[in-house]
Amino acid sequence: KEDRTHEDLLFQVMPDLGVLLSSKIEEATIDGKKVFNVDDGYLIACFDENVSDETIKAIAKQKPYYFVMRDSSMASDSVATNFEQIFATYSPDTVRKVL
């Protein structure tokens, strides 16, 4: 739905991934984008607009178990194309989910 906040999206995906809603959630800024860090890096989520390769690379280097973002958050088709390759390079074991 269009009117969902970033927090709404986060709380929607947490149970789907088996992450407790009572888990510690910290907000951080990576490359100018708001990022949710859940349970000390177990899950990292970013739902901001215009997410670049650099932002994804910085997140991948943190090696989260799960990473979640919206398809519409990617800045360009190039970012969408490079997304999997960036994670394959920096954090191949991260489970990636694009909403």
C-alpha atoms as a PDB file:
ATOM      1  CA  LYS A   1       0.000   0.000   0.000  1.00  0.00           C
ATOM      2  CA  GLU A   2       1.185   3.489  -0.798  1.00  0.00           C
ATOM      3  CA  ASP A   3       0.520   5.030   2.618  1.00  0.00           C
ATOM      4  CA  ARG A   4       2.667   2.634   4.655  1.00  0.00           C
ATOM      5  CA  THR A   5       5.461   4.181   6.677  1.00  0.00           C
ATOM      6  CA  HIS A   6       8.952   2.724   6.779  1.00  0.00           C
ATOM      7  CA  GLU A   7       8.185   1.455  10.275  1.00  0.00           C
ATOM      8  CA  ASP A   8       5.010  -0.243   9.000  1.00  0.00           C
ATOM      9  CA  LEU A   9       7.043  -2.079   6.368  1.00  0.00           C
ATOM     10  CA  LEU A  10       9.641  -3.109   8.934  1.00  0.00           C
ATOM     11  CA  PHE A  11       7.041  -4.494  11.347  1.00  0.00           C
ATOM     12  CA  GLN A  12       5.374  -6.324   8.449  1.00  0.00           C
ATOM     13  CA  VAL A  13       8.533  -8.195   7.408  1.00  0.00           C
ATOM     14  CA  MET A  14       9.954  -8.984  10.853  1.00  0.00           C
ATOM     15  CA  PRO A  15       7.517 -11.833  11.678  1.00  0.00           C
ATOM     16  CA  ASP A  16       7.868 -13.195   8.124  1.00  0.00           C
ATOM     17  CA  LEU A  17      11.608 -13.555   8.770  1.00  0.00           C
ATOM     18  CA  GLY A  18      11.175 -14.988  12.239  1.00  0.00           C
ATOM     19  CA  VAL A  19      12.427 -11.815  13.931  1.00  0.00           C
ATOM     20  CA  LEU A  20      10.655 -10.990  17.179  1.00  0.00           C
ATOM     21  CA  LEU A  21       8.789  -7.683  17.268  1.00  0.00           C
ATOM     22  CA  SER A  22      10.365  -7.120  20.677  1.00  0.00           C
ATOM     23  CA  SER A  23      13.877  -7.136  19.154  1.00  0.00           C
ATOM     24  CA  LYS A  24      16.075  -4.078  19.638  1.00  0.00           C
ATOM     25  CA  ILE A  25      15.658  -1.673  16.704  1.00  0.00           C
ATOM     26  CA  GLU A  26      18.123   1.130  16.064  1.00  0.00           C
ATOM     27  CA  GLU A  27      17.891   3.751  13.348  1.00  0.00           C
ATOM     28  CA  ALA A  28      21.079   4.750  11.599  1.00  0.00           C
ATOM     29  CA  THR A  29      22.043   6.788   8.567  1.00  0.00           C
ATOM     30  CA  ILE A  30      24.145   5.185   5.872  1.00  0.00           C
ATOM     31  CA  ASP A  31      25.128   7.278   2.871  1.00  0.00           C
ATOM     32  CA  GLY A  32      22.347   9.732   3.771  1.00  0.00           C
ATOM     33  CA  LYS A  33      19.637   7.048   3.917  1.00  0.00           C
ATOM     34  CA  LYS A  34      17.648   5.930   6.984  1.00  0.00           C
ATOM     35  CA  VAL A  35      18.416   2.335   7.845  1.00  0.00           C
ATOM     36  CA  PHE A  36      16.881   0.110  10.503  1.00  0.00           C
ATOM     37  CA  ASN A  37      19.324  -2.148  12.315  1.00  0.00           C
ATOM     38  CA  VAL A  38      17.416  -4.886  14.139  1.00  0.00           C
ATOM     39  CA  ASP A  39      18.947  -7.136  16.797  1.00  0.00           C
ATOM     40  CA  ASP A  40      22.523  -5.866  16.338  1.00  0.00           C
ATOM     41  CA  GLY A  41      22.731  -6.421  12.585  1.00  0.00           C
ATOM     42  CA  TYR A  42      20.676  -9.596  12.296  1.00  0.00           C
ATOM     43  CA  LEU A  43      18.264  -7.694  10.050  1.00  0.00           C
ATOM     44  CA  ILE A  44      19.045  -4.473   8.230  1.00  0.00           C
ATOM     45  CA  ALA A  45      16.265  -2.743   6.301  1.00  0.00           C
ATOM     46  CA  CYS A  46      16.222   0.384   4.152  1.00  0.00           C
ATOM     47  CA  PHE A  47      13.045   1.743   2.591  1.00  0.00           C
ATOM     48  CA  ASP A  48      14.225   5.254   1.583  1.00  0.00           C
ATOM     49  CA  GLU A  49      14.014   6.480  -2.000  1.00  0.00           C
ATOM     50  CA  ASN A  50      16.963   6.667  -4.413  1.00  0.00           C
ATOM     51  CA  VAL A  51      19.155   4.080  -2.711  1.00  0.00           C
ATOM     52  CA  SER A  52      22.490   3.948  -4.549  1.00  0.00           C
ATOM     53  CA  ASP A  53      25.091   1.244  -5.154  1.00  0.00           C
ATOM     54  CA  GLU A  54      27.237   2.936  -2.488  1.00  0.00           C
ATOM     55  CA  THR A  55      24.491   2.623   0.121  1.00  0.00           C
ATOM     56  CA  ILE A  56      23.948  -1.049  -0.697  1.00  0.00           C
ATOM     57  CA  LYS A  57      27.695  -1.677  -0.604  1.00  0.00           C
ATOM     58  CA  ALA A  58      27.983  -0.043   2.856  1.00  0.00           C
ATOM     59  CA  ILE A  59      25.095  -2.197   4.114  1.00  0.00           C
ATOM     60  CA  ALA A  60      26.521  -5.385   2.583  1.00  0.00           C
ATOM     61  CA  LYS A  61      29.861  -4.763   4.304  1.00  0.00           C
ATOM     62  CA  GLN A  62      28.032  -4.979   7.654  1.00  0.00           C
ATOM     63  CA  LYS A  63      27.169  -8.601   6.773  1.00  0.00           C
ATOM     64  CA  PRO A  64      23.592  -8.772   8.095  1.00  0.00           C
ATOM     65  CA  TYR A  65      21.840 -12.132   8.196  1.00  0.00           C
ATOM     66  CA  TYR A  66      18.831 -10.510   6.457  1.00  0.00           C
ATOM     67  CA  PHE A  67      18.621  -7.392   4.298  1.00  0.00           C
ATOM     68  CA  VAL A  68      15.261  -5.997   3.178  1.00  0.00           C
ATOM     69  CA  MET A  69      14.417  -3.091   0.879  1.00  0.00           C
ATOM     70  CA  ARG A  70      11.659  -1.990  -1.486  1.00  0.00           C
ATOM     71  CA  ASP A  71      12.062  -2.497  -5.216  1.00  0.00           C
ATOM     72  CA  SER A  72      10.981   1.111  -5.716  1.00  0.00           C
ATOM     73  CA  SER A  73      13.784   2.285  -3.399  1.00  0.00           C
ATOM     74  CA  MET A  74      16.504   1.542  -5.912  1.00  0.00           C
ATOM     75  CA  ALA A  75      17.817   4.717  -7.501  1.00  0.00           C
ATOM     76  CA  SER A  76      18.039   3.233 -11.007  1.00  0.00           C
ATOM     77  CA  ASP A  77      17.912   0.074 -13.092  1.00  0.00           C
ATOM     78  CA  SER A  78      21.699  -0.054 -12.712  1.00  0.00           C
ATOM     79  CA  VAL A  79      21.339  -0.372  -8.929  1.00  0.00           C
ATOM     80  CA  ALA A  80      18.795  -3.157  -9.390  1.00  0.00           C
ATOM     81  CA  THR A  81      21.196  -4.936 -11.745  1.00  0.00           C
ATOM     82  CA  ASN A  82      24.170  -4.551  -9.382  1.00  0.00           C
ATOM     83  CA  PHE A  83      22.283  -5.351  -6.159  1.00  0.00           C
ATOM     84  CA  GLU A  84      22.852  -9.122  -6.161  1.00  0.00           C
ATOM     85  CA  GLN A  85      26.463  -8.773  -7.329  1.00  0.00           C
ATOM     86  CA  ILE A  86      27.277  -6.319  -4.523  1.00  0.00           C
ATOM     87  CA  PHE A  87      25.954  -8.746  -1.914  1.00  0.00           C
ATOM     88  CA  ALA A  88      27.656 -11.700  -3.616  1.00  0.00           C
ATOM     89  CA  THR A  89      30.945  -9.824  -3.302  1.00  0.00           C
ATOM     90  CA  TYR A  90      30.696  -8.406   0.226  1.00  0.00           C
ATOM     91  CA  SER A  91      28.214 -10.638   2.056  1.00  0.00           C
ATOM     92  CA  PRO A  92      27.243 -13.722   0.047  1.00  0.00           C
ATOM     93  CA  ASP A  93      25.488 -15.374   2.998  1.00  0.00           C
ATOM     94  CA  THR A  94      23.063 -12.493   3.578  1.00  0.00           C
ATOM     95  CA  VAL A  95      19.462 -13.451   2.826  1.00  0.00           C
ATOM     96  CA  ARG A  96      18.093 -10.654   0.629  1.00  0.00           C
ATOM     97  CA  LYS A  97      14.451  -9.739   0.262  1.00  0.00           C
ATOM     98  CA  VAL A  98      13.069  -7.052  -2.063  1.00  0.00           C
ATOM     99  CA  LEU A  99       9.478  -6.015  -1.476  1.00  0.00           C
END
